[in-house]
């Protein structure tokens, strides 16, 4: 099965990647690739969620307008 050979016959590069990540002087959360993207999306969704929650609580406290 030659077409499956690249899936299970790959070189082991874990030690090289571990040394690369551990020697990086940045904070742990910024060491991996695309980590800034993930943290930015997480932060933006957290802010949107908090604003929505605050708006909902404000609307419940304020109540309906009486005519």
PDB file of N, CA and C in Angstrom:
ATOM      1  N   UNK A   1       0.847  -1.181   0.000  1.00  0.00           N
ATOM      2  CA  UNK A   1       0.000   0.000   0.000  1.00  0.00           C
ATOM      3  C   UNK A   1       0.891   1.242   0.000  1.00  0.00           C
ATOM      4  N   UNK A   2       1.347   1.591  -1.150  1.00  0.00           N
ATOM      5  CA  UNK A   2       2.268   2.712  -1.255  1.00  0.00           C
ATOM      6  C   UNK A   2       1.619   4.059  -0.965  1.00  0.00           C
ATOM      7  N   UNK A   3       0.339   4.188  -1.208  1.00  0.00           N
ATOM      8  CA  UNK A   3      -0.287   5.494  -1.009  1.00  0.00           C
ATOM      9  C   UNK A   3      -0.468   5.821   0.475  1.00  0.00           C
ATOM     10  N   UNK A   4      -0.386   4.830   1.381  1.00  0.00           N
ATOM     11  CA  UNK A   4      -0.471   5.088   2.820  1.00  0.00           C
ATOM     12  C   UNK A   4       0.899   5.263   3.469  1.00  0.00           C
ATOM     13  N   UNK A   5       1.955   5.020   2.729  1.00  0.00           N
ATOM     14  CA  UNK A   5       3.305   5.106   3.263  1.00  0.00           C
ATOM     15  C   UNK A   5       3.615   6.470   3.896  1.00  0.00           C
ATOM     16  N   UNK A   6       3.252   7.596   3.298  1.00  0.00           N
ATOM     17  CA  UNK A   6       3.551   8.884   3.939  1.00  0.00           C
ATOM     18  C   UNK A   6       2.815   9.103   5.260  1.00  0.00           C
ATOM     19  N   UNK A   7       1.760   8.359   5.523  1.00  0.00           N
ATOM     20  CA  UNK A   7       1.014   8.543   6.764  1.00  0.00           C
ATOM     21  C   UNK A   7       1.674   7.881   7.965  1.00  0.00           C
ATOM     22  N   UNK A   8       2.268   6.730   7.793  1.00  0.00           N
ATOM     23  CA  UNK A   8       2.823   6.015   8.936  1.00  0.00           C
ATOM     24  C   UNK A   8       4.338   5.871   8.894  1.00  0.00           C
ATOM     25  N   UNK A   9       4.980   6.416   7.908  1.00  0.00           N
ATOM     26  CA  UNK A   9       6.426   6.295   7.803  1.00  0.00           C
ATOM     27  C   UNK A   9       7.065   7.687   7.785  1.00  0.00           C
ATOM     28  N   UNK A  10       6.641   8.525   8.726  1.00  0.00           N
ATOM     29  CA  UNK A  10       7.161   9.889   8.787  1.00  0.00           C
ATOM     30  C   UNK A  10       8.291   9.978   9.805  1.00  0.00           C
ATOM     31  N   UNK A  11       9.244  10.882   9.603  1.00  0.00           N
ATOM     32  CA  UNK A  11      10.317  11.041  10.593  1.00  0.00           C
ATOM     33  C   UNK A  11       9.774  11.682  11.876  1.00  0.00           C
ATOM     34  N   UNK A  12      10.371  11.305  12.994  1.00  0.00           N
ATOM     35  CA  UNK A  12       9.962  11.813  14.295  1.00  0.00           C
ATOM     36  C   UNK A  12      10.682  13.136  14.568  1.00  0.00           C
ATOM     37  N   UNK A  13       9.941  14.240  14.615  1.00  0.00           N
ATOM     38  CA  UNK A  13      10.524  15.567  14.799  1.00  0.00           C
ATOM     39  C   UNK A  13      10.094  16.212  16.127  1.00  0.00           C
ATOM     40  N   UNK A  14       9.642  15.404  17.062  1.00  0.00           N
ATOM     41  CA  UNK A  14       9.123  15.945  18.312  1.00  0.00           C
ATOM     42  C   UNK A  14      10.217  16.621  19.126  1.00  0.00           C
ATOM     43  N   UNK A  15      11.393  16.022  19.205  1.00  0.00           N
ATOM     44  CA  UNK A  15      12.491  16.595  19.988  1.00  0.00           C
ATOM     45  C   UNK A  15      12.904  17.945  19.414  1.00  0.00           C
ATOM     46  N   UNK A  16      12.982  18.059  18.100  1.00  0.00           N
ATOM     47  CA  UNK A  16      13.352  19.327  17.469  1.00  0.00           C
ATOM     48  C   UNK A  16      12.311  20.406  17.766  1.00  0.00           C
ATOM     49  N   UNK A  17      11.034  20.050  17.651  1.00  0.00           N
ATOM     50  CA  UNK A  17       9.974  21.021  17.915  1.00  0.00           C
ATOM     51  C   UNK A  17       9.944  21.415  19.380  1.00  0.00           C
ATOM     52  N   UNK A  18      10.206  20.458  20.273  1.00  0.00           N
ATOM     53  CA  UNK A  18      10.215  20.750  21.701  1.00  0.00           C
ATOM     54  C   UNK A  18      11.339  21.718  22.040  1.00  0.00           C
ATOM     55  N   UNK A  19      12.516  21.510  21.497  1.00  0.00           N
ATOM     56  CA  UNK A  19      13.640  22.418  21.733  1.00  0.00           C
ATOM     57  C   UNK A  19      13.341  23.807  21.182  1.00  0.00           C
ATOM     58  N   UNK A  20      12.702  23.866  20.014  1.00  0.00           N
ATOM     59  CA  UNK A  20      12.365  25.144  19.404  1.00  0.00           C
ATOM     60  C   UNK A  20      11.379  25.929  20.273  1.00  0.00           C
ATOM     61  N   UNK A  21      10.368  25.257  20.777  1.00  0.00           N
ATOM     62  CA  UNK A  21       9.349  25.930  21.586  1.00  0.00           C
ATOM     63  C   UNK A  21       9.910  26.309  22.953  1.00  0.00           C
ATOM     64  N   UNK A  22      10.709  25.447  23.570  1.00  0.00           N
ATOM     65  CA  UNK A  22      11.232  25.733  24.892  1.00  0.00           C
ATOM     66  C   UNK A  22      12.296  26.819  24.884  1.00  0.00           C
ATOM     67  N   UNK A  23      12.976  27.017  23.762  1.00  0.00           N
ATOM     68  CA  UNK A  23      14.007  28.053  23.705  1.00  0.00           C
ATOM     69  C   UNK A  23      13.443  29.418  23.324  1.00  0.00           C
ATOM     70  N   UNK A  24      12.156  29.491  23.032  1.00  0.00           N
ATOM     71  CA  UNK A  24      11.521  30.754  22.644  1.00  0.00           C
ATOM     72  C   UNK A  24      11.351  31.636  23.878  1.00  0.00           C
ATOM     73  N   UNK A  25      11.801  32.898  23.851  1.00  0.00           N
ATOM     74  CA  UNK A  25      11.720  33.753  25.047  1.00  0.00           C
ATOM     75  C   UNK A  25      10.341  34.373  25.287  1.00  0.00           C
ATOM     76  N   UNK A  26       9.418  34.227  24.344  1.00  0.00           N
ATOM     77  CA  UNK A  26       8.090  34.827  24.512  1.00  0.00           C
ATOM     78  C   UNK A  26       7.290  34.090  25.578  1.00  0.00           C
ATOM     79  N   UNK A  27       6.174  34.694  25.987  1.00  0.00           N
ATOM     80  CA  UNK A  27       5.297  34.043  26.952  1.00  0.00           C
ATOM     81  C   UNK A  27       4.761  32.748  26.351  1.00  0.00           C
ATOM     82  N   UNK A  28       4.385  31.821  27.208  1.00  0.00           N
ATOM     83  CA  UNK A  28       3.959  30.493  26.755  1.00  0.00           C
ATOM     84  C   UNK A  28       2.771  30.590  25.806  1.00  0.00           C
ATOM     85  N   UNK A  29       1.844  31.491  26.105  1.00  0.00           N
ATOM     86  CA  UNK A  29       0.628  31.558  25.291  1.00  0.00           C
ATOM     87  C   UNK A  29       0.883  32.090  23.885  1.00  0.00           C
ATOM     88  N   UNK A  30       2.047  32.677  23.626  1.00  0.00           N
ATOM     89  CA  UNK A  30       2.358  33.218  22.303  1.00  0.00           C
ATOM     90  C   UNK A  30       3.386  32.385  21.542  1.00  0.00           C
ATOM     91  N   UNK A  31       3.811  31.275  22.049  1.00  0.00           N
ATOM     92  CA  UNK A  31       4.897  30.513  21.419  1.00  0.00           C
ATOM     93  C   UNK A  31       4.457  29.722  20.193  1.00  0.00           C
ATOM     94  N   UNK A  32       3.279  29.168  20.205  1.00  0.00           N
ATOM     95  CA  UNK A  32       2.860  28.314  19.096  1.00  0.00           C
ATOM     96  C   UNK A  32       2.386  29.139  17.902  1.00  0.00           C
ATOM     97  N   UNK A  33       2.437  28.576  16.695  1.00  0.00           N
ATOM     98  CA  UNK A  33       1.959  29.326  15.530  1.00  0.00           C
ATOM     99  C   UNK A  33       0.457  29.594  15.619  1.00  0.00           C
ATOM    100  N   UNK A  34       0.035  30.732  15.117  1.00  0.00           N
ATOM    101  CA  UNK A  34      -1.359  31.178  15.100  1.00  0.00           C
ATOM    102  C   UNK A  34      -1.936  31.405  16.486  1.00  0.00           C
ATOM    103  N   UNK A  35      -1.098  31.453  17.524  1.00  0.00           N
ATOM    104  CA  UNK A  35      -1.624  31.632  18.874  1.00  0.00           C
ATOM    105  C   UNK A  35      -2.188  33.040  19.058  1.00  0.00           C
ATOM    106  N   UNK A  36      -1.597  34.038  18.409  1.00  0.00           N
ATOM    107  CA  UNK A  36      -2.144  35.393  18.518  1.00  0.00           C
ATOM    108  C   UNK A  36      -3.524  35.475  17.879  1.00  0.00           C
ATOM    109  N   UNK A  37      -3.721  34.770  16.778  1.00  0.00           N
ATOM    110  CA  UNK A  37      -5.031  34.728  16.138  1.00  0.00           C
ATOM    111  C   UNK A  37      -6.057  34.101  17.070  1.00  0.00           C
ATOM    112  N   UNK A  38      -5.707  32.955  17.670  1.00  0.00           N
ATOM    113  CA  UNK A  38      -6.632  32.270  18.570  1.00  0.00           C
ATOM    114  C   UNK A  38      -6.959  33.130  19.784  1.00  0.00           C
ATOM    115  N   UNK A  39      -5.948  33.770  20.361  1.00  0.00           N
ATOM    116  CA  UNK A  39      -6.189  34.610  21.531  1.00  0.00           C
ATOM    117  C   UNK A  39      -7.011  35.841  21.172  1.00  0.00           C
ATOM    118  N   UNK A  40      -6.794  36.392  19.977  1.00  0.00           N
ATOM    119  CA  UNK A  40      -7.580  37.544  19.534  1.00  0.00           C
ATOM    120  C   UNK A  40      -9.042  37.196  19.335  1.00  0.00           C
ATOM    121  N   UNK A  41      -9.295  36.053  18.708  1.00  0.00           N
ATOM    122  CA  UNK A  41     -10.679  35.611  18.501  1.00  0.00           C
ATOM    123  C   UNK A  41     -11.346  35.312  19.840  1.00  0.00           C
ATOM    124  N   UNK A  42     -10.622  34.659  20.742  1.00  0.00           N
ATOM    125  CA  UNK A  42     -11.167  34.362  22.062  1.00  0.00           C
ATOM    126  C   UNK A  42     -11.484  35.659  22.816  1.00  0.00           C
ATOM    127  N   UNK A  43     -10.556  36.615  22.791  1.00  0.00           N
ATOM    128  CA  UNK A  43     -10.781  37.886  23.484  1.00  0.00           C
ATOM    129  C   UNK A  43     -11.956  38.654  22.911  1.00  0.00           C
ATOM    130  N   UNK A  44     -12.068  38.683  21.593  1.00  0.00           N
ATOM    131  CA  UNK A  44     -13.181  39.396  20.962  1.00  0.00           C
ATOM    132  C   UNK A  44     -14.512  38.743  21.296  1.00  0.00           C
ATOM    133  N   UNK A  45     -14.569  37.410  21.267  1.00  0.00           N
ATOM    134  CA  UNK A  45     -15.828  36.740  21.600  1.00  0.00           C
ATOM    135  C   UNK A  45     -16.171  36.914  23.072  1.00  0.00           C
ATOM    136  N   UNK A  46     -15.163  36.967  23.930  1.00  0.00           N
ATOM    137  CA  UNK A  46     -15.404  37.198  25.355  1.00  0.00           C
ATOM    138  C   UNK A  46     -15.982  38.595  25.571  1.00  0.00           C
ATOM    139  N   UNK A  47     -15.419  39.589  24.897  1.00  0.00           N
ATOM    140  CA  UNK A  47     -15.917  40.964  25.036  1.00  0.00           C
ATOM    141  C   UNK A  47     -17.351  41.064  24.524  1.00  0.00           C
ATOM    142  N   UNK A  48     -17.641  40.464  23.383  1.00  0.00           N
ATOM    143  CA  UNK A  48     -19.006  40.492  22.843  1.00  0.00           C
ATOM    144  C   UNK A  48     -19.976  39.817  23.806  1.00  0.00           C
ATOM    145  N   UNK A  49     -19.566  38.704  24.386  1.00  0.00           N
ATOM    146  CA  UNK A  49     -20.414  38.016  25.352  1.00  0.00           C
ATOM    147  C   UNK A  49     -20.668  38.842  26.597  1.00  0.00           C
ATOM    148  N   UNK A  50     -19.642  39.516  27.094  1.00  0.00           N
ATOM    149  CA  UNK A  50     -19.809  40.339  28.294  1.00  0.00           C
ATOM    150  C   UNK A  50     -20.687  41.563  28.017  1.00  0.00           C
ATOM    151  N   UNK A  51     -20.511  42.174  26.852  1.00  0.00           N
ATOM    152  CA  UNK A  51     -21.357  43.315  26.495  1.00  0.00           C
ATOM    153  C   UNK A  51     -22.814  42.873  26.352  1.00  0.00           C
ATOM    154  N   UNK A  52     -23.039  41.730  25.726  1.00  0.00           N
ATOM    155  CA  UNK A  52     -24.392  41.211  25.579  1.00  0.00           C
ATOM    156  C   UNK A  52     -25.022  40.889  26.926  1.00  0.00           C
ATOM    157  N   UNK A  53     -24.257  40.296  27.816  1.00  0.00           N
ATOM    158  CA  UNK A  53     -24.769  39.982  29.153  1.00  0.00           C
ATOM    159  C   UNK A  53     -25.096  41.256  29.924  1.00  0.00           C
ATOM    160  N   UNK A  54     -24.208  42.235  29.857  1.00  0.00           N
ATOM    161  CA  UNK A  54     -24.445  43.504  30.554  1.00  0.00           C
ATOM    162  C   UNK A  54     -25.670  44.206  29.988  1.00  0.00           C
ATOM    163  N   UNK A  55     -25.813  44.200  28.671  1.00  0.00           N
ATOM    164  CA  UNK A  55     -26.984  44.814  28.040  1.00  0.00           C
ATOM    165  C   UNK A  55     -28.270  44.102  28.454  1.00  0.00           C
ATOM    166  N   UNK A  56     -28.228  42.783  28.534  1.00  0.00           N
ATOM    167  CA  UNK A  56     -29.400  42.028  28.953  1.00  0.00           C
ATOM    168  C   UNK A  56     -29.790  42.318  30.395  1.00  0.00           C
ATOM    169  N   UNK A  57     -28.803  42.388  31.273  1.00  0.00           N
ATOM    170  CA  UNK A  57     -29.089  42.711  32.673  1.00  0.00           C
ATOM    171  C   UNK A  57     -29.641  44.121  32.788  1.00  0.00           C
ATOM    172  N   UNK A  58     -29.079  45.061  32.057  1.00  0.00           N
ATOM    173  CA  UNK A  58     -29.576  46.441  32.066  1.00  0.00           C
ATOM    174  C   UNK A  58     -31.023  46.492  31.573  1.00  0.00           C
ATOM    175  N   UNK A  59     -31.326  45.760  30.523  1.00  0.00           N
ATOM    176  CA  UNK A  59     -32.701  45.754  29.985  1.00  0.00           C
ATOM    177  C   UNK A  59     -33.679  45.146  30.995  1.00  0.00           C
ATOM    178  N   UNK A  60     -33.264  44.110  31.707  1.00  0.00           N
ATOM    179  CA  UNK A  60     -34.132  43.518  32.707  1.00  0.00           C
ATOM    180  C   UNK A  60     -34.374  44.464  33.881  1.00  0.00           C
ATOM    181  N   UNK A  61     -33.353  45.187  34.288  1.00  0.00           N
ATOM    182  CA  UNK A  61     -33.509  46.131  35.401  1.00  0.00           C
ATOM    183  C   UNK A  61     -34.368  47.310  34.990  1.00  0.00           C
ATOM    184  N   UNK A  62     -34.120  47.819  33.795  1.00  0.00           N
ATOM    185  CA  UNK A  62     -34.851  49.000  33.321  1.00  0.00           C
ATOM    186  C   UNK A  62     -36.316  48.692  33.116  1.00  0.00           C
ATOM    187  N   UNK A  63     -36.640  47.538  32.587  1.00  0.00           N
ATOM    188  CA  UNK A  63     -38.024  47.139  32.372  1.00  0.00           C
ATOM    189  C   UNK A  63     -38.617  47.799  31.135  1.00  0.00           C
ATOM    190  N   UNK A  64     -39.932  47.562  30.929  1.00  0.00           N
ATOM    191  CA  UNK A  64     -40.608  48.118  29.775  1.00  0.00           C
ATOM    192  C   UNK A  64     -41.031  49.556  30.046  1.00  0.00           C
ATOM    193  N   UNK A  65     -41.114  50.345  28.979  1.00  0.00           N
ATOM    194  CA  UNK A  65     -41.564  51.729  29.088  1.00  0.00           C
ATOM    195  C   UNK A  65     -43.083  51.753  29.287  1.00  0.00           C
ATOM    196  N   UNK A  66     -43.557  52.522  30.225  1.00  0.00           N
ATOM    197  CA  UNK A  66     -44.990  52.688  30.448  1.00  0.00           C
ATOM    198  C   UNK A  66     -45.507  53.842  29.600  1.00  0.00           C
ATOM    199  N   UNK A  67     -46.650  53.619  28.973  1.00  0.00           N
ATOM    200  CA  UNK A  67     -47.217  54.694  28.130  1.00  0.00           C
ATOM    201  C   UNK A  67     -48.157  55.565  28.910  1.00  0.00           C
TER     202      UNK A  67
END
